[in-house]
Amino acid sequence: MKASPIKGAQSVSRTLQVLRAIAGRLGNGVSLAYITQQTELTKPTAHRLLQALMAEGMVERSEEEGYFLGPECYALGVIADQRYGLSRIASTPVKRIAEECGDSAFFALRSEWHSICLIREDGNYPIKTHVLQPGTRLPLGVGGGGIAMLAAMDDEEVEQCLTMNAEECAAHFPQDQRADHLPRIAECRALGYGINRGSVVAGSWGIGAAVRDATGRVLGALSIAAIESRLQPDRQRTLGPRLVQEARALETKIQQAQTTRR
């Protein structure tokens, strides 16, 4: 983890690292040892930050299960969603995609150099992939949606993103290195949608289409994940353009919502 480059913001950066470490377990409790491992903070520093966060209601602790995000985090999320409205706006196309294809569909939001899964809907096909769940945080370029988001950026921003995520990808995503990303980006730009051929978990494939906001900035991505046999080239050629169609329609909805709020 890198400290914030803004002078005087080290404590804020460390606090956010702690919150993200807890959030990364998707609702499961975490130990102090886990937090120090994920954040590279010393035990006394992590403990001090946790105590402050608990005092503010941002974190709760269970004797049996460890630390969880607290009610104040939930409240902030609800308030933020009232501004962005993405959960409400994106849930309809995600559900529609899942019903049409029978597999799992997602909407992920860009958060600087990462993506965060906000919505998951499962179709009726009995065999599913469980790599991506609401709250899952991944470096941009990892997964079908991550590839699509990265490919939708300009080359300078792509280079910056790959540099920022190089250490994390080297440690946790051995098949998602710079040399892997570049041809996937080129393919996505040619097709209009990104393809993940099991780079995160063998046999779990995905495709994704980027979604932009009213300013043209990459906001997130719609994606589909399925077992390998259900995302072979013929089905990619069917589902890929369908995802792009839904992504463009979602962009229109988001732009309308942003215009209404002004």
C-alpha atoms as a PDB file:
ATOM      1  CA  MET A   1       0.000   0.000   0.000  1.00  0.00           C
ATOM      2  CA  LYS A   2       1.273   3.466  -0.874  1.00  0.00           C
ATOM      3  CA  ALA A   3       0.810   6.419   1.457  1.00  0.00           C
ATOM      4  CA  SER A   4      -1.051   9.443   0.183  1.00  0.00           C
ATOM      5  CA  PRO A   5       1.254  11.897  -1.625  1.00  0.00           C
ATOM      6  CA  ILE A   6      -0.633  14.822  -0.052  1.00  0.00           C
ATOM      7  CA  LYS A   7       1.347  16.263   2.833  1.00  0.00           C
ATOM      8  CA  GLY A   8      -0.368  15.834   6.182  1.00  0.00           C
ATOM      9  CA  ALA A   9      -2.806  13.192   4.917  1.00  0.00           C
ATOM     10  CA  GLN A  10      -0.940  10.111   6.145  1.00  0.00           C
ATOM     11  CA  SER A  11      -3.433   9.391   8.921  1.00  0.00           C
ATOM     12  CA  VAL A  12      -6.355   9.654   6.511  1.00  0.00           C
ATOM     13  CA  SER A  13      -4.625   7.324   4.067  1.00  0.00           C
ATOM     14  CA  ARG A  14      -3.905   4.780   6.795  1.00  0.00           C
ATOM     15  CA  THR A  15      -7.470   4.958   8.085  1.00  0.00           C
ATOM     16  CA  LEU A  16      -8.836   4.264   4.614  1.00  0.00           C
ATOM     17  CA  GLN A  17      -6.436   1.342   4.250  1.00  0.00           C
ATOM     18  CA  VAL A  18      -7.901  -0.174   7.412  1.00  0.00           C
ATOM     19  CA  LEU A  19     -11.486   0.332   6.219  1.00  0.00           C
ATOM     20  CA  ARG A  20     -10.694  -1.184   2.823  1.00  0.00           C
ATOM     21  CA  ALA A  21      -9.029  -4.184   4.439  1.00  0.00           C
ATOM     22  CA  ILE A  22     -12.185  -4.831   6.464  1.00  0.00           C
ATOM     23  CA  ALA A  23     -14.446  -4.207   3.467  1.00  0.00           C
ATOM     24  CA  GLY A  24     -12.409  -6.617   1.379  1.00  0.00           C
ATOM     25  CA  ARG A  25     -13.725  -9.555   3.383  1.00  0.00           C
ATOM     26  CA  LEU A  26     -17.250  -8.831   2.093  1.00  0.00           C
ATOM     27  CA  GLY A  27     -19.092  -8.808   5.398  1.00  0.00           C
ATOM     28  CA  ASN A  28     -16.954 -11.373   7.198  1.00  0.00           C
ATOM     29  CA  GLY A  29     -15.098 -10.379  10.345  1.00  0.00           C
ATOM     30  CA  VAL A  30     -11.348  -9.799  10.219  1.00  0.00           C
ATOM     31  CA  SER A  31      -8.627 -10.074  12.840  1.00  0.00           C
ATOM     32  CA  LEU A  32      -6.076  -7.450  13.801  1.00  0.00           C
ATOM     33  CA  ALA A  33      -3.396  -9.705  12.321  1.00  0.00           C
ATOM     34  CA  TYR A  34      -5.245  -9.770   8.985  1.00  0.00           C
ATOM     35  CA  ILE A  35      -5.524  -5.985   8.937  1.00  0.00           C
ATOM     36  CA  THR A  36      -1.821  -5.490   9.653  1.00  0.00           C
ATOM     37  CA  GLN A  37      -0.949  -8.008   6.945  1.00  0.00           C
ATOM     38  CA  GLN A  38      -3.143  -6.287   4.347  1.00  0.00           C
ATOM     39  CA  THR A  39      -2.142  -2.729   5.213  1.00  0.00           C
ATOM     40  CA  GLU A  40       1.498  -3.245   6.255  1.00  0.00           C
ATOM     41  CA  LEU A  41       0.785  -1.083   9.293  1.00  0.00           C
ATOM     42  CA  THR A  42       2.320  -1.912  12.643  1.00  0.00           C
ATOM     43  CA  LYS A  43       0.063  -3.598  15.174  1.00  0.00           C
ATOM     44  CA  PRO A  44      -0.025  -0.567  17.543  1.00  0.00           C
ATOM     45  CA  THR A  45      -0.879   1.800  14.675  1.00  0.00           C
ATOM     46  CA  ALA A  46      -3.641  -0.442  13.326  1.00  0.00           C
ATOM     47  CA  HIS A  47      -5.056  -0.950  16.822  1.00  0.00           C
ATOM     48  CA  ARG A  48      -5.075   2.808  17.489  1.00  0.00           C
ATOM     49  CA  LEU A  49      -6.894   3.504  14.226  1.00  0.00           C
ATOM     50  CA  LEU A  50      -9.422   0.754  14.919  1.00  0.00           C
ATOM     51  CA  GLN A  51     -10.166   2.203  18.339  1.00  0.00           C
ATOM     52  CA  ALA A  52     -10.808   5.626  16.796  1.00  0.00           C
ATOM     53  CA  LEU A  53     -13.005   4.135  14.076  1.00  0.00           C
ATOM     54  CA  MET A  54     -15.036   2.177  16.626  1.00  0.00           C
ATOM     55  CA  ALA A  55     -15.569   5.322  18.680  1.00  0.00           C
ATOM     56  CA  GLU A  56     -17.094   6.964  15.589  1.00  0.00           C
ATOM     57  CA  GLY A  57     -19.265   3.975  14.667  1.00  0.00           C
ATOM     58  CA  MET A  58     -17.308   3.280  11.484  1.00  0.00           C
ATOM     59  CA  VAL A  59     -16.132  -0.116  12.751  1.00  0.00           C
ATOM     60  CA  GLU A  60     -17.632  -2.698  15.104  1.00  0.00           C
ATOM     61  CA  ARG A  61     -15.901  -5.582  16.870  1.00  0.00           C
ATOM     62  CA  SER A  62     -17.172  -9.021  17.796  1.00  0.00           C
ATOM     63  CA  GLU A  63     -15.214 -11.075  20.338  1.00  0.00           C
ATOM     64  CA  GLU A  64     -15.761 -14.209  18.260  1.00  0.00           C
ATOM     65  CA  GLU A  65     -15.514 -12.908  14.687  1.00  0.00           C
ATOM     66  CA  GLY A  66     -13.323  -9.809  14.762  1.00  0.00           C
ATOM     67  CA  TYR A  67     -13.804  -6.418  13.116  1.00  0.00           C
ATOM     68  CA  PHE A  68     -16.638  -5.390  10.773  1.00  0.00           C
ATOM     69  CA  LEU A  69     -17.663  -2.190   9.044  1.00  0.00           C
ATOM     70  CA  GLY A  70     -20.003  -0.272  11.336  1.00  0.00           C
ATOM     71  CA  PRO A  71     -23.369   1.442  10.884  1.00  0.00           C
ATOM     72  CA  GLU A  72     -21.809   4.812  10.095  1.00  0.00           C
ATOM     73  CA  CYS A  73     -20.154   3.289   7.017  1.00  0.00           C
ATOM     74  CA  TYR A  74     -23.529   1.977   5.925  1.00  0.00           C
ATOM     75  CA  ALA A  75     -25.145   5.375   6.463  1.00  0.00           C
ATOM     76  CA  LEU A  76     -22.474   7.120   4.405  1.00  0.00           C
ATOM     77  CA  GLY A  77     -22.958   4.597   1.613  1.00  0.00           C
ATOM     78  CA  VAL A  78     -26.708   5.182   1.560  1.00  0.00           C
ATOM     79  CA  ILE A  79     -26.190   8.947   1.406  1.00  0.00           C
ATOM     80  CA  ALA A  80     -23.600   8.634  -1.373  1.00  0.00           C
ATOM     81  CA  ASP A  81     -25.957   6.449  -3.390  1.00  0.00           C
ATOM     82  CA  GLN A  82     -28.602   9.173  -3.212  1.00  0.00           C
ATOM     83  CA  ARG A  83     -26.227  11.418  -5.118  1.00  0.00           C
ATOM     84  CA  TYR A  84     -24.975   8.921  -7.671  1.00  0.00           C
ATOM     85  CA  GLY A  85     -28.056   6.683  -7.829  1.00  0.00           C
ATOM     86  CA  LEU A  86     -26.015   3.997  -9.540  1.00  0.00           C
ATOM     87  CA  SER A  87     -27.454   1.051  -7.636  1.00  0.00           C
ATOM     88  CA  ARG A  88     -30.963   1.982  -8.726  1.00  0.00           C
ATOM     89  CA  ILE A  89     -30.067   2.905 -12.305  1.00  0.00           C
ATOM     90  CA  ALA A  90     -27.713  -0.014 -12.997  1.00  0.00           C
ATOM     91  CA  SER A  91     -29.731  -2.754 -11.306  1.00  0.00           C
ATOM     92  CA  THR A  92     -32.260  -2.982 -14.150  1.00  0.00           C
ATOM     93  CA  PRO A  93     -29.801  -3.695 -16.998  1.00  0.00           C
ATOM     94  CA  VAL A  94     -27.776  -6.058 -14.801  1.00  0.00           C
ATOM     95  CA  LYS A  95     -30.889  -8.070 -14.003  1.00  0.00           C
ATOM     96  CA  ARG A  96     -31.970  -8.038 -17.651  1.00  0.00           C
ATOM     97  CA  ILE A  97     -28.579  -9.289 -18.835  1.00  0.00           C
ATOM     98  CA  ALA A  98     -28.575 -12.123 -16.280  1.00  0.00           C
ATOM     99  CA  GLU A  99     -32.070 -13.203 -17.294  1.00  0.00           C
ATOM    100  CA  GLU A 100     -31.203 -13.146 -20.992  1.00  0.00           C
ATOM    101  CA  CYS A 101     -27.891 -14.999 -20.836  1.00  0.00           C
ATOM    102  CA  GLY A 102     -28.589 -17.264 -17.856  1.00  0.00           C
ATOM    103  CA  ASP A 103     -25.198 -16.526 -16.321  1.00  0.00           C
ATOM    104  CA  SER A 104     -24.034 -13.993 -13.718  1.00  0.00           C
ATOM    105  CA  ALA A 105     -24.101 -10.293 -14.612  1.00  0.00           C
ATOM    106  CA  PHE A 106     -22.449  -7.396 -12.792  1.00  0.00           C
ATOM    107  CA  PHE A 107     -21.994  -3.674 -12.547  1.00  0.00           C
ATOM    108  CA  ALA A 108     -18.648  -2.527 -11.165  1.00  0.00           C
ATOM    109  CA  LEU A 109     -17.703   1.038 -10.304  1.00  0.00           C
ATOM    110  CA  ARG A 110     -14.314   2.561 -10.984  1.00  0.00           C
ATOM    111  CA  SER A 111     -12.499   3.825  -7.885  1.00  0.00           C
ATOM    112  CA  GLU A 112      -9.306   5.483  -9.127  1.00  0.00           C
ATOM    113  CA  TRP A 113      -7.073   2.530 -10.133  1.00  0.00           C
ATOM    114  CA  HIS A 114      -9.460  -0.197  -8.960  1.00  0.00           C
ATOM    115  CA  SER A 115     -12.954  -1.476  -9.632  1.00  0.00           C
ATOM    116  CA  ILE A 116     -15.519  -2.294  -6.955  1.00  0.00           C
ATOM    117  CA  CYS A 117     -18.368  -4.681  -7.706  1.00  0.00           C
ATOM    118  CA  LEU A 118     -21.646  -2.988  -6.768  1.00  0.00           C
ATOM    119  CA  ILE A 119     -24.294  -5.300  -8.207  1.00  0.00           C
ATOM    120  CA  ARG A 120     -24.479  -9.000  -9.005  1.00  0.00           C
ATOM    121  CA  GLU A 121     -27.448 -10.844 -10.507  1.00  0.00           C
ATOM    122  CA  ASP A 122     -27.427 -14.576 -11.210  1.00  0.00           C
ATOM    123  CA  GLY A 123     -29.188 -16.176 -14.154  1.00  0.00           C
ATOM    124  CA  ASN A 124     -30.838 -19.588 -14.153  1.00  0.00           C
ATOM    125  CA  TYR A 125     -27.887 -21.648 -15.400  1.00  0.00           C
ATOM    126  CA  PRO A 126     -27.081 -24.022 -12.501  1.00  0.00           C
ATOM    127  CA  ILE A 127     -23.271 -23.828 -12.652  1.00  0.00           C
ATOM    128  CA  LYS A 128     -21.968 -20.421 -11.632  1.00  0.00           C
ATOM    129  CA  THR A 129     -18.653 -18.710 -11.031  1.00  0.00           C
ATOM    130  CA  HIS A 130     -18.273 -17.052  -7.635  1.00  0.00           C
ATOM    131  CA  VAL A 131     -15.107 -14.987  -8.106  1.00  0.00           C
ATOM    132  CA  LEU A 132     -16.901 -11.632  -8.136  1.00  0.00           C
ATOM    133  CA  GLN A 133     -19.274 -10.601  -5.347  1.00  0.00           C
ATOM    134  CA  PRO A 134     -20.679  -7.205  -4.312  1.00  0.00           C
ATOM    135  CA  GLY A 135     -17.840  -5.397  -2.557  1.00  0.00           C
ATOM    136  CA  THR A 136     -15.049  -7.239  -4.371  1.00  0.00           C
ATOM    137  CA  ARG A 137     -12.227  -4.808  -5.151  1.00  0.00           C
ATOM    138  CA  LEU A 138      -9.843  -5.537  -8.046  1.00  0.00           C
ATOM    139  CA  PRO A 139      -7.083  -3.638  -9.853  1.00  0.00           C
ATOM    140  CA  LEU A 140      -8.281  -2.171 -13.142  1.00  0.00           C
ATOM    141  CA  GLY A 141      -7.430  -4.571 -15.948  1.00  0.00           C
ATOM    142  CA  VAL A 142      -8.320  -7.647 -13.906  1.00  0.00           C
ATOM    143  CA  GLY A 143     -11.475  -9.418 -15.121  1.00  0.00           C
ATOM    144  CA  GLY A 144     -13.683  -8.676 -18.116  1.00  0.00           C
ATOM    145  CA  GLY A 145     -15.057  -5.435 -16.710  1.00  0.00           C
ATOM    146  CA  GLY A 146     -11.614  -4.335 -15.546  1.00  0.00           C
ATOM    147  CA  ILE A 147     -10.159  -4.900 -19.008  1.00  0.00           C
ATOM    148  CA  ALA A 148     -12.980  -2.864 -20.550  1.00  0.00           C
ATOM    149  CA  MET A 149     -12.460   0.032 -18.140  1.00  0.00           C
ATOM    150  CA  LEU A 150      -8.711   0.082 -18.701  1.00  0.00           C
ATOM    151  CA  ALA A 151      -9.104  -0.064 -22.480  1.00  0.00           C
ATOM    152  CA  ALA A 152     -11.539   2.869 -22.410  1.00  0.00           C
ATOM    153  CA  MET A 153      -8.874   5.164 -20.929  1.00  0.00           C
ATOM    154  CA  ASP A 154      -6.329   7.083 -22.976  1.00  0.00           C
ATOM    155  CA  ASP A 155      -2.829   5.649 -23.301  1.00  0.00           C
ATOM    156  CA  GLU A 156      -1.300   7.990 -20.730  1.00  0.00           C
ATOM    157  CA  GLU A 157      -3.871   7.018 -18.117  1.00  0.00           C
ATOM    158  CA  VAL A 158      -3.412   3.332 -18.951  1.00  0.00           C
ATOM    159  CA  GLU A 159       0.326   3.625 -18.328  1.00  0.00           C
ATOM    160  CA  GLN A 160      -0.277   5.378 -15.022  1.00  0.00           C
ATOM    161  CA  CYS A 161      -2.762   2.716 -13.946  1.00  0.00           C
ATOM    162  CA  LEU A 162      -0.460  -0.171 -14.845  1.00  0.00           C
ATOM    163  CA  THR A 163       2.360   1.466 -12.902  1.00  0.00           C
ATOM    164  CA  MET A 164       0.203   2.087  -9.826  1.00  0.00           C
ATOM    165  CA  ASN A 165      -1.103  -1.497  -9.796  1.00  0.00           C
ATOM    166  CA  ALA A 166       2.114  -3.284 -10.773  1.00  0.00           C
ATOM    167  CA  GLU A 167       3.071  -4.293  -7.239  1.00  0.00           C
ATOM    168  CA  GLU A 168      -0.405  -5.550  -6.330  1.00  0.00           C
ATOM    169  CA  CYS A 169      -0.781  -7.523  -9.562  1.00  0.00           C
ATOM    170  CA  ALA A 170       2.665  -9.076  -9.150  1.00  0.00           C
ATOM    171  CA  ALA A 171       1.750 -10.218  -5.644  1.00  0.00           C
ATOM    172  CA  HIS A 172      -1.818 -11.402  -6.184  1.00  0.00           C
ATOM    173  CA  PHE A 173      -2.602 -11.673  -9.914  1.00  0.00           C
ATOM    174  CA  PRO A 174       0.310 -13.445 -11.636  1.00  0.00           C
ATOM    175  CA  GLN A 175      -1.553 -13.724 -14.964  1.00  0.00           C
ATOM    176  CA  ASP A 176      -2.465 -10.037 -14.985  1.00  0.00           C
ATOM    177  CA  GLN A 177       0.886  -8.359 -15.545  1.00  0.00           C
ATOM    178  CA  ARG A 178       1.692  -5.497 -17.893  1.00  0.00           C
ATOM    179  CA  ALA A 179       2.649  -7.904 -20.686  1.00  0.00           C
ATOM    180  CA  ASP A 180      -0.736  -9.610 -20.282  1.00  0.00           C
ATOM    181  CA  HIS A 181      -2.736  -6.379 -20.154  1.00  0.00           C
ATOM    182  CA  LEU A 182      -1.469  -4.740 -23.341  1.00  0.00           C
ATOM    183  CA  PRO A 183      -2.803  -7.306 -25.862  1.00  0.00           C
ATOM    184  CA  ARG A 184      -6.095  -7.512 -23.956  1.00  0.00           C
ATOM    185  CA  ILE A 185      -6.456  -3.742 -24.165  1.00  0.00           C
ATOM    186  CA  ALA A 186      -5.796  -3.823 -27.915  1.00  0.00           C
ATOM    187  CA  GLU A 187      -8.330  -6.627 -28.374  1.00  0.00           C
ATOM    188  CA  CYS A 188     -10.950  -4.772 -26.343  1.00  0.00           C
ATOM    189  CA  ARG A 189     -10.491  -1.576 -28.328  1.00  0.00           C
ATOM    190  CA  ALA A 190     -10.924  -3.540 -31.566  1.00  0.00           C
ATOM    191  CA  LEU A 191     -14.012  -5.473 -30.418  1.00  0.00           C
ATOM    192  CA  GLY A 192     -15.641  -2.932 -28.129  1.00  0.00           C
ATOM    193  CA  TYR A 193     -15.677  -5.340 -25.169  1.00  0.00           C
ATOM    194  CA  GLY A 194     -13.042  -6.958 -22.960  1.00  0.00           C
ATOM    195  CA  ILE A 195     -12.519 -10.696 -22.588  1.00  0.00           C
ATOM    196  CA  ASN A 196     -11.105 -12.428 -19.508  1.00  0.00           C
ATOM    197  CA  ARG A 197     -10.014 -15.961 -20.341  1.00  0.00           C
ATOM    198  CA  GLY A 198      -9.648 -17.281 -16.825  1.00  0.00           C
ATOM    199  CA  SER A 199      -6.741 -15.101 -15.690  1.00  0.00           C
ATOM    200  CA  VAL A 200      -8.012 -14.747 -12.109  1.00  0.00           C
ATOM    201  CA  VAL A 201      -9.360 -18.269 -11.576  1.00  0.00           C
ATOM    202  CA  ALA A 202      -8.920 -21.023 -14.149  1.00  0.00           C
ATOM    203  CA  GLY A 203     -12.210 -21.916 -15.804  1.00  0.00           C
ATOM    204  CA  SER A 204     -13.927 -18.660 -14.793  1.00  0.00           C
ATOM    205  CA  TRP A 205     -14.266 -16.462 -17.878  1.00  0.00           C
ATOM    206  CA  GLY A 206     -15.831 -13.059 -18.369  1.00  0.00           C
ATOM    207  CA  ILE A 207     -16.625 -10.291 -20.813  1.00  0.00           C
ATOM    208  CA  GLY A 208     -17.196  -6.621 -20.047  1.00  0.00           C
ATOM    209  CA  ALA A 209     -18.168  -3.279 -21.574  1.00  0.00           C
ATOM    210  CA  ALA A 210     -17.123   0.081 -20.155  1.00  0.00           C
ATOM    211  CA  VAL A 211     -19.623   2.706 -19.008  1.00  0.00           C
ATOM    212  CA  ARG A 212     -18.806   6.440 -19.097  1.00  0.00           C
ATOM    213  CA  ASP A 213     -20.334   9.366 -17.254  1.00  0.00           C
ATOM    214  CA  ALA A 214     -21.646  12.591 -18.791  1.00  0.00           C
ATOM    215  CA  THR A 215     -18.113  14.011 -19.078  1.00  0.00           C
ATOM    216  CA  GLY A 216     -16.784  10.964 -20.936  1.00  0.00           C
ATOM    217  CA  ARG A 217     -14.804   9.706 -17.957  1.00  0.00           C
ATOM    218  CA  VAL A 218     -14.768   5.957 -17.318  1.00  0.00           C
ATOM    219  CA  LEU A 219     -17.323   5.373 -14.582  1.00  0.00           C
ATOM    220  CA  GLY A 220     -17.574   1.581 -14.441  1.00  0.00           C
ATOM    221  CA  ALA A 221     -18.470  -1.482 -16.472  1.00  0.00           C
ATOM    222  CA  LEU A 222     -21.180  -4.024 -17.127  1.00  0.00           C
ATOM    223  CA  SER A 223     -19.921  -7.594 -17.315  1.00  0.00           C
ATOM    224  CA  ILE A 224     -20.875 -11.247 -17.536  1.00  0.00           C
ATOM    225  CA  ALA A 225     -19.034 -14.131 -15.864  1.00  0.00           C
ATOM    226  CA  ALA A 226     -19.513 -17.810 -16.621  1.00  0.00           C
ATOM    227  CA  ILE A 227     -17.699 -21.097 -16.751  1.00  0.00           C
ATOM    228  CA  GLU A 228     -15.269 -21.446 -19.648  1.00  0.00           C
ATOM    229  CA  SER A 229     -17.488 -23.664 -21.802  1.00  0.00           C
ATOM    230  CA  ARG A 230     -20.214 -21.000 -21.839  1.00  0.00           C
ATOM    231  CA  LEU A 231     -18.016 -18.158 -23.070  1.00  0.00           C
ATOM    232  CA  GLN A 232     -16.407 -19.618 -26.156  1.00  0.00           C
ATOM    233  CA  PRO A 233     -15.936 -17.389 -29.249  1.00  0.00           C
ATOM    234  CA  ASP A 234     -19.371 -17.918 -30.784  1.00  0.00           C
ATOM    235  CA  ARG A 235     -21.114 -16.861 -27.564  1.00  0.00           C
ATOM    236  CA  GLN A 236     -18.644 -14.026 -27.026  1.00  0.00           C
ATOM    237  CA  ARG A 237     -19.696 -12.627 -30.405  1.00  0.00           C
ATOM    238  CA  THR A 238     -23.334 -12.751 -29.294  1.00  0.00           C
ATOM    239  CA  LEU A 239     -23.017 -11.467 -25.738  1.00  0.00           C
ATOM    240  CA  GLY A 240     -20.263  -8.905 -26.309  1.00  0.00           C
ATOM    241  CA  PRO A 241     -22.269  -6.583 -28.580  1.00  0.00           C
ATOM    242  CA  ARG A 242     -25.307  -7.072 -26.334  1.00  0.00           C
ATOM    243  CA  LEU A 243     -23.271  -5.855 -23.361  1.00  0.00           C
ATOM    244  CA  VAL A 244     -22.063  -2.856 -25.344  1.00  0.00           C
ATOM    245  CA  GLN A 245     -25.669  -2.041 -26.254  1.00  0.00           C
ATOM    246  CA  GLU A 246     -26.695  -2.152 -22.600  1.00  0.00           C
ATOM    247  CA  ALA A 247     -23.649  -0.080 -21.611  1.00  0.00           C
ATOM    248  CA  ARG A 248     -24.573   2.685 -24.068  1.00  0.00           C
ATOM    249  CA  ALA A 249     -28.179   2.689 -22.831  1.00  0.00           C
ATOM    250  CA  LEU A 250     -26.967   2.847 -19.223  1.00  0.00           C
ATOM    251  CA  GLU A 251     -24.725   5.796 -20.089  1.00  0.00           C
ATOM    252  CA  THR A 252     -27.768   7.648 -21.395  1.00  0.00           C
ATOM    253  CA  LYS A 253     -29.686   6.939 -18.179  1.00  0.00           C
ATOM    254  CA  ILE A 254     -26.763   8.096 -16.045  1.00  0.00           C
ATOM    255  CA  GLN A 255     -26.309  11.264 -18.088  1.00  0.00           C
ATOM    256  CA  GLN A 256     -30.017  12.045 -17.772  1.00  0.00           C
ATOM    257  CA  ALA A 257     -29.827  11.561 -14.000  1.00  0.00           C
ATOM    258  CA  GLN A 258     -26.738  13.764 -13.735  1.00  0.00           C
ATOM    259  CA  THR A 259     -28.410  16.491 -15.806  1.00  0.00           C
ATOM    260  CA  THR A 260     -31.544  16.355 -13.642  1.00  0.00           C
ATOM    261  CA  ARG A 261     -29.476  16.865 -10.462  1.00  0.00           C
ATOM    262  CA  ARG A 262     -27.836  20.048 -11.776  1.00  0.00           C
END
